[in-house]
C-alpha atoms as a PDB file:
ATOM      1  CA  UNK A   1       0.000   0.000   0.000  1.00  0.00           C
ATOM      2  CA  UNK A   2       1.371   3.376  -1.020  1.00  0.00           C
ATOM      3  CA  UNK A   3       1.954   5.893   1.790  1.00  0.00           C
ATOM      4  CA  UNK A   4      -0.590   8.655   2.218  1.00  0.00           C
ATOM      5  CA  UNK A   5       0.152  12.014   0.699  1.00  0.00           C
ATOM      6  CA  UNK A   6       0.439  15.069   2.987  1.00  0.00           C
ATOM      7  CA  UNK A   7      -2.939  16.221   1.692  1.00  0.00           C
ATOM      8  CA  UNK A   8      -4.557  12.879   2.555  1.00  0.00           C
ATOM      9  CA  UNK A   9      -2.997  12.884   6.037  1.00  0.00           C
ATOM     10  CA  UNK A  10      -4.301  16.406   6.605  1.00  0.00           C
ATOM     11  CA  UNK A  11      -7.795  15.382   5.491  1.00  0.00           C
ATOM     12  CA  UNK A  12      -7.735  12.318   7.749  1.00  0.00           C
ATOM     13  CA  UNK A  13      -6.701  14.490  10.706  1.00  0.00           C
ATOM     14  CA  UNK A  14      -9.380  17.063   9.843  1.00  0.00           C
ATOM     15  CA  UNK A  15     -12.065  14.386  10.105  1.00  0.00           C
ATOM     16  CA  UNK A  16     -10.573  12.899  13.260  1.00  0.00           C
ATOM     17  CA  UNK A  17     -10.350  16.266  15.013  1.00  0.00           C
ATOM     18  CA  UNK A  18     -14.005  17.006  14.241  1.00  0.00           C
ATOM     19  CA  UNK A  19     -15.104  13.573  15.468  1.00  0.00           C
ATOM     20  CA  UNK A  20     -13.082  13.862  18.681  1.00  0.00           C
ATOM     21  CA  UNK A  21     -14.610  17.255  19.485  1.00  0.00           C
ATOM     22  CA  UNK A  22     -18.135  15.963  18.930  1.00  0.00           C
ATOM     23  CA  UNK A  23     -17.558  12.723  20.839  1.00  0.00           C
ATOM     24  CA  UNK A  24     -16.373  14.654  23.879  1.00  0.00           C
ATOM     25  CA  UNK A  25     -19.125  17.284  23.753  1.00  0.00           C
ATOM     26  CA  UNK A  26     -22.113  15.130  22.745  1.00  0.00           C
ATOM     27  CA  UNK A  27     -21.130  11.528  23.441  1.00  0.00           C
ATOM     28  CA  UNK A  28     -20.604   8.723  20.977  1.00  0.00           C
ATOM     29  CA  UNK A  29     -24.216   7.599  20.584  1.00  0.00           C
ATOM     30  CA  UNK A  30     -25.530  11.140  20.031  1.00  0.00           C
ATOM     31  CA  UNK A  31     -22.885  12.008  17.451  1.00  0.00           C
ATOM     32  CA  UNK A  32     -24.046  11.216  13.939  1.00  0.00           C
ATOM     33  CA  UNK A  33     -21.913  10.798  10.851  1.00  0.00           C
ATOM     34  CA  UNK A  34     -23.850  13.742   9.387  1.00  0.00           C
ATOM     35  CA  UNK A  35     -22.685  15.913  12.282  1.00  0.00           C
ATOM     36  CA  UNK A  36     -19.091  14.752  11.804  1.00  0.00           C
ATOM     37  CA  UNK A  37     -19.082  15.506   8.088  1.00  0.00           C
ATOM     38  CA  UNK A  38     -20.584  18.929   8.734  1.00  0.00           C
ATOM     39  CA  UNK A  39     -18.063  19.754  11.453  1.00  0.00           C
ATOM     40  CA  UNK A  40     -15.190  18.510   9.303  1.00  0.00           C
ATOM     41  CA  UNK A  41     -16.517  20.253   6.173  1.00  0.00           C
ATOM     42  CA  UNK A  42     -16.321  17.068   4.129  1.00  0.00           C
ATOM     43  CA  UNK A  43     -18.797  14.864   2.297  1.00  0.00           C
ATOM     44  CA  UNK A  44     -19.917  11.470   3.565  1.00  0.00           C
ATOM     45  CA  UNK A  45     -18.106   9.918   0.645  1.00  0.00           C
ATOM     46  CA  UNK A  46     -14.889  11.536   1.821  1.00  0.00           C
ATOM     47  CA  UNK A  47     -15.438  10.451   5.422  1.00  0.00           C
ATOM     48  CA  UNK A  48     -15.934   6.807   4.422  1.00  0.00           C
ATOM     49  CA  UNK A  49     -12.886   6.951   2.200  1.00  0.00           C
ATOM     50  CA  UNK A  50     -10.792   7.415   5.347  1.00  0.00           C
ATOM     51  CA  UNK A  51     -12.854   5.737   8.080  1.00  0.00           C
ATOM     52  CA  UNK A  52     -15.363   2.886   7.849  1.00  0.00           C
ATOM     53  CA  UNK A  53     -17.640   4.429  10.448  1.00  0.00           C
ATOM     54  CA  UNK A  54     -17.985   5.889  13.927  1.00  0.00           C
ATOM     55  CA  UNK A  55     -16.432   2.944  15.754  1.00  0.00           C
ATOM     56  CA  UNK A  56     -13.276   3.205  13.660  1.00  0.00           C
ATOM     57  CA  UNK A  57     -13.178   6.943  14.316  1.00  0.00           C
ATOM     58  CA  UNK A  58     -13.458   6.292  18.033  1.00  0.00           C
ATOM     59  CA  UNK A  59     -10.660   3.731  17.886  1.00  0.00           C
ATOM     60  CA  UNK A  60      -8.511   6.199  15.941  1.00  0.00           C
ATOM     61  CA  UNK A  61      -9.229   8.873  18.548  1.00  0.00           C
ATOM     62  CA  UNK A  62      -7.976   6.611  21.316  1.00  0.00           C
ATOM     63  CA  UNK A  63      -4.964   5.509  19.267  1.00  0.00           C
ATOM     64  CA  UNK A  64      -4.021   9.140  18.681  1.00  0.00           C
ATOM     65  CA  UNK A  65      -4.321   9.832  22.414  1.00  0.00           C
ATOM     66  CA  UNK A  66      -1.961   6.965  23.176  1.00  0.00           C
ATOM     67  CA  UNK A  67       0.452   7.871  20.394  1.00  0.00           C
ATOM     68  CA  UNK A  68       1.584  10.830  22.493  1.00  0.00           C
ATOM     69  CA  UNK A  69       3.066   8.307  24.925  1.00  0.00           C
ATOM     70  CA  UNK A  70       5.376   6.789  22.287  1.00  0.00           C
ATOM     71  CA  UNK A  71       4.644   3.392  23.802  1.00  0.00           C
ATOM     72  CA  UNK A  72       5.925   1.353  20.898  1.00  0.00           C
ATOM     73  CA  UNK A  73       9.345   2.973  20.902  1.00  0.00           C
ATOM     74  CA  UNK A  74      10.098   1.605  24.337  1.00  0.00           C
ATOM     75  CA  UNK A  75      10.283  -1.942  23.000  1.00  0.00           C
ATOM     76  CA  UNK A  76      12.451  -1.264  19.957  1.00  0.00           C
ATOM     77  CA  UNK A  77      15.674  -1.166  21.974  1.00  0.00           C
ATOM     78  CA  UNK A  78      15.395  -3.777  24.762  1.00  0.00           C
ATOM     79  CA  UNK A  79      17.158  -3.040  28.075  1.00  0.00           C
ATOM     80  CA  UNK A  80      20.505  -4.767  28.554  1.00  0.00           C
ATOM     81  CA  UNK A  81      20.654  -4.534  32.365  1.00  0.00           C
ATOM     82  CA  UNK A  82      18.232  -4.675  35.279  1.00  0.00           C
ATOM     83  CA  UNK A  83      18.740  -0.979  36.194  1.00  0.00           C
ATOM     84  CA  UNK A  84      17.996  -0.106  32.575  1.00  0.00           C
ATOM     85  CA  UNK A  85      14.783  -2.147  32.715  1.00  0.00           C
ATOM     86  CA  UNK A  86      13.835  -0.351  35.925  1.00  0.00           C
ATOM     87  CA  UNK A  87      14.441   3.033  34.279  1.00  0.00           C
ATOM     88  CA  UNK A  88      12.383   1.979  31.262  1.00  0.00           C
ATOM     89  CA  UNK A  89       9.460   0.886  33.419  1.00  0.00           C
ATOM     90  CA  UNK A  90       9.671   4.115  35.421  1.00  0.00           C
ATOM     91  CA  UNK A  91       9.562   6.191  32.240  1.00  0.00           C
ATOM     92  CA  UNK A  92       6.632   4.119  30.991  1.00  0.00           C
ATOM     93  CA  UNK A  93       4.650   4.537  34.235  1.00  0.00           C
ATOM     94  CA  UNK A  94       5.369   8.259  34.330  1.00  0.00           C
ATOM     95  CA  UNK A  95       4.279   8.745  30.720  1.00  0.00           C
ATOM     96  CA  UNK A  96       1.055   6.786  31.161  1.00  0.00           C
ATOM     97  CA  UNK A  97      -0.050   8.445  34.405  1.00  0.00           C
ATOM     98  CA  UNK A  98       1.136  11.901  33.391  1.00  0.00           C
ATOM     99  CA  UNK A  99      -0.727  11.892  30.104  1.00  0.00           C
ATOM    100  CA  UNK A 100      -3.885  10.014  31.051  1.00  0.00           C
ATOM    101  CA  UNK A 101      -4.473  12.228  34.091  1.00  0.00           C
ATOM    102  CA  UNK A 102      -4.713  15.316  31.897  1.00  0.00           C
ATOM    103  CA  UNK A 103      -8.283  16.715  31.684  1.00  0.00           C
ATOM    104  CA  UNK A 104      -8.831  15.965  27.976  1.00  0.00           C
ATOM    105  CA  UNK A 105      -7.540  12.417  28.299  1.00  0.00           C
ATOM    106  CA  UNK A 106      -9.720  11.763  31.354  1.00  0.00           C
ATOM    107  CA  UNK A 107     -12.757  13.135  29.535  1.00  0.00           C
ATOM    108  CA  UNK A 108     -12.079  10.741  26.668  1.00  0.00           C
ATOM    109  CA  UNK A 109     -11.674   7.780  29.037  1.00  0.00           C
ATOM    110  CA  UNK A 110     -14.922   8.608  30.829  1.00  0.00           C
ATOM    111  CA  UNK A 111     -16.658   8.811  27.453  1.00  0.00           C
ATOM    112  CA  UNK A 112     -15.307   5.450  26.362  1.00  0.00           C
ATOM    113  CA  UNK A 113     -16.232   3.670  29.575  1.00  0.00           C
ATOM    114  CA  UNK A 114     -19.703   5.195  29.694  1.00  0.00           C
ATOM    115  CA  UNK A 115     -20.506   4.414  26.076  1.00  0.00           C
ATOM    116  CA  UNK A 116     -19.102   0.874  26.227  1.00  0.00           C
ATOM    117  CA  UNK A 117     -21.483   0.020  29.066  1.00  0.00           C
ATOM    118  CA  UNK A 118     -24.494   0.827  26.889  1.00  0.00           C
ATOM    119  CA  UNK A 119     -23.100  -0.149  23.480  1.00  0.00           C
ATOM    120  CA  UNK A 120     -21.637  -3.671  23.539  1.00  0.00           C
ATOM    121  CA  UNK A 121     -20.241  -3.298  20.013  1.00  0.00           C
ATOM    122  CA  UNK A 122     -17.792  -0.722  21.356  1.00  0.00           C
ATOM    123  CA  UNK A 123     -16.241  -3.009  23.960  1.00  0.00           C
ATOM    124  CA  UNK A 124     -13.891  -4.755  21.550  1.00  0.00           C
ATOM    125  CA  UNK A 125     -12.928  -1.399  20.071  1.00  0.00           C
ATOM    126  CA  UNK A 126     -12.174  -0.006  23.513  1.00  0.00           C
ATOM    127  CA  UNK A 127     -10.218  -3.084  24.598  1.00  0.00           C
ATOM    128  CA  UNK A 128      -8.056  -3.226  21.473  1.00  0.00           C
ATOM    129  CA  UNK A 129      -7.406   0.496  21.325  1.00  0.00           C
ATOM    130  CA  UNK A 130      -6.538   1.023  24.955  1.00  0.00           C
ATOM    131  CA  UNK A 131      -5.833  -1.683  27.590  1.00  0.00           C
ATOM    132  CA  UNK A 132      -4.698  -4.285  25.051  1.00  0.00           C
ATOM    133  CA  UNK A 133      -2.160  -1.849  23.664  1.00  0.00           C
ATOM    134  CA  UNK A 134      -0.730  -0.969  27.064  1.00  0.00           C
ATOM    135  CA  UNK A 135      -0.525  -4.637  27.979  1.00  0.00           C
ATOM    136  CA  UNK A 136       1.003  -5.555  24.626  1.00  0.00           C
ATOM    137  CA  UNK A 137       3.823  -3.049  24.930  1.00  0.00           C
ATOM    138  CA  UNK A 138       4.565  -4.068  28.520  1.00  0.00           C
ATOM    139  CA  UNK A 139       4.406  -7.749  27.650  1.00  0.00           C
ATOM    140  CA  UNK A 140       6.920  -7.268  24.842  1.00  0.00           C
ATOM    141  CA  UNK A 141       9.306  -5.435  27.134  1.00  0.00           C
ATOM    142  CA  UNK A 142       9.069  -8.093  29.843  1.00  0.00           C
ATOM    143  CA  UNK A 143       9.448 -10.932  27.346  1.00  0.00           C
ATOM    144  CA  UNK A 144      12.692  -9.396  26.102  1.00  0.00           C
ATOM    145  CA  UNK A 145      13.948  -8.925  29.664  1.00  0.00           C
ATOM    146  CA  UNK A 146      13.085 -12.524  30.528  1.00  0.00           C
ATOM    147  CA  UNK A 147      14.860 -13.762  27.419  1.00  0.00           C
ATOM    148  CA  UNK A 148      17.985 -11.877  28.443  1.00  0.00           C
ATOM    149  CA  UNK A 149      17.862 -13.349  31.944  1.00  0.00           C
ATOM    150  CA  UNK A 150      17.218  -9.991  33.622  1.00  0.00           C
ATOM    151  CA  UNK A 151      13.972 -11.169  35.226  1.00  0.00           C
ATOM    152  CA  UNK A 152      12.036 -14.381  35.638  1.00  0.00           C
ATOM    153  CA  UNK A 153       8.728 -13.898  33.811  1.00  0.00           C
ATOM    154  CA  UNK A 154       7.780 -17.194  32.124  1.00  0.00           C
ATOM    155  CA  UNK A 155       4.267 -15.804  31.558  1.00  0.00           C
ATOM    156  CA  UNK A 156       4.979 -12.250  30.343  1.00  0.00           C
ATOM    157  CA  UNK A 157       1.304 -11.541  29.715  1.00  0.00           C
ATOM    158  CA  UNK A 158       0.388 -12.247  33.325  1.00  0.00           C
ATOM    159  CA  UNK A 159       3.393 -10.254  34.534  1.00  0.00           C
ATOM    160  CA  UNK A 160       2.311  -7.368  32.298  1.00  0.00           C
ATOM    161  CA  UNK A 161      -1.089  -7.414  33.983  1.00  0.00           C
ATOM    162  CA  UNK A 162       0.636  -7.267  37.363  1.00  0.00           C
ATOM    163  CA  UNK A 163       2.478  -4.137  36.267  1.00  0.00           C
ATOM    164  CA  UNK A 164      -0.151  -2.269  34.233  1.00  0.00           C
ATOM    165  CA  UNK A 165      -2.895  -2.796  36.830  1.00  0.00           C
ATOM    166  CA  UNK A 166      -1.204  -0.870  39.665  1.00  0.00           C
ATOM    167  CA  UNK A 167      -0.055   1.861  37.274  1.00  0.00           C
ATOM    168  CA  UNK A 168      -3.591   2.311  35.959  1.00  0.00           C
ATOM    169  CA  UNK A 169      -4.952   2.422  39.517  1.00  0.00           C
ATOM    170  CA  UNK A 170      -3.655   5.998  39.703  1.00  0.00           C
ATOM    171  CA  UNK A 171      -5.690   6.875  36.620  1.00  0.00           C
ATOM    172  CA  UNK A 172      -8.807   5.087  37.862  1.00  0.00           C
ATOM    173  CA  UNK A 173      -8.850   6.043  41.546  1.00  0.00           C
ATOM    174  CA  UNK A 174      -7.356   9.535  41.355  1.00  0.00           C
ATOM    175  CA  UNK A 175      -8.611  10.517  37.910  1.00  0.00           C
ATOM    176  CA  UNK A 176     -11.801   8.764  36.832  1.00  0.00           C
ATOM    177  CA  UNK A 177     -13.299   8.539  40.323  1.00  0.00           C
ATOM    178  CA  UNK A 178     -11.630  11.468  42.040  1.00  0.00           C
ATOM    179  CA  UNK A 179     -13.413  14.668  43.053  1.00  0.00           C
ATOM    180  CA  UNK A 180     -10.560  17.144  42.703  1.00  0.00           C
ATOM    181  CA  UNK A 181      -8.381  17.672  39.611  1.00  0.00           C
ATOM    182  CA  UNK A 182      -5.828  14.858  39.924  1.00  0.00           C
ATOM    183  CA  UNK A 183      -2.103  15.247  40.237  1.00  0.00           C
ATOM    184  CA  UNK A 184       0.118  12.608  38.623  1.00  0.00           C
ATOM    185  CA  UNK A 185       1.956  10.439  41.154  1.00  0.00           C
ATOM    186  CA  UNK A 186       5.455  11.562  42.005  1.00  0.00           C
ATOM    187  CA  UNK A 187       8.528   9.752  40.766  1.00  0.00           C
ATOM    188  CA  UNK A 188       9.229   8.382  44.248  1.00  0.00           C
ATOM    189  CA  UNK A 189       5.813   6.714  44.432  1.00  0.00           C
ATOM    190  CA  UNK A 190       6.196   5.197  40.976  1.00  0.00           C
ATOM    191  CA  UNK A 191       9.727   4.046  41.758  1.00  0.00           C
ATOM    192  CA  UNK A 192       8.468   2.232  44.869  1.00  0.00           C
ATOM    193  CA  UNK A 193       5.690   0.605  42.847  1.00  0.00           C
ATOM    194  CA  UNK A 194       8.179  -0.567  40.233  1.00  0.00           C
ATOM    195  CA  UNK A 195      10.608  -1.915  42.814  1.00  0.00           C
ATOM    196  CA  UNK A 196       7.794  -3.913  44.372  1.00  0.00           C
ATOM    197  CA  UNK A 197       6.820  -5.235  40.952  1.00  0.00           C
ATOM    198  CA  UNK A 198      10.384  -6.217  40.112  1.00  0.00           C
ATOM    199  CA  UNK A 199      10.529  -8.301  43.286  1.00  0.00           C
ATOM    200  CA  UNK A 200       7.736 -10.461  41.849  1.00  0.00           C
ATOM    201  CA  UNK A 201       9.797 -11.231  38.732  1.00  0.00           C
ATOM    202  CA  UNK A 202      13.286 -11.119  40.191  1.00  0.00           C
ATOM    203  CA  UNK A 203      15.953 -13.651  39.384  1.00  0.00           C
ATOM    204  CA  UNK A 204      17.180 -15.125  42.688  1.00  0.00           C
ATOM    205  CA  UNK A 205      19.849 -12.956  44.240  1.00  0.00           C
ATOM    206  CA  UNK A 206      19.289 -10.031  41.902  1.00  0.00           C
ATOM    207  CA  UNK A 207      17.987  -6.591  42.893  1.00  0.00           C
ATOM    208  CA  UNK A 208      17.229  -3.524  40.715  1.00  0.00           C
END
């Protein structure tokens, strides 16, 4: 498949920006494709040339939100030492909590959770676009570390769940269900969390 031209990328972003604004202000169910095309100043034919429908637009909105975290890049160059793995996990946890506790990101998460409860067809979209991606990146990182003998994680998927769950608890408890505007956890708190996690996958006699 040939790469998109700058004009096509701009048009795709134009549609996505309009959809994101409407999703956040009106909700997914109440946002029609007619409203999206009007807000984006495009025809329906143009919209469907770039996106198959609202669910794909919602998935793209979430993917764009996560792209700011540069999650994939953290697996490209696997850590060579345990301290390097610790630093990588700390950077990961800081990026996730720092970004997802921002007001716009929290608004998007609340929208997704609320809509998925009432619209079962969105659940797979939500899972693949958000938690599955976080788990996938973490799982890849832990699998590489296990393969290099830095940690003992024979089931990297389960270990990824053990790491992502506590990290996301800051987003859930302090952000989604908090009353006051949340503050991201400090580096010391995240470092303690990561050290506790590393104990669960430590090679005997090793310490971060």
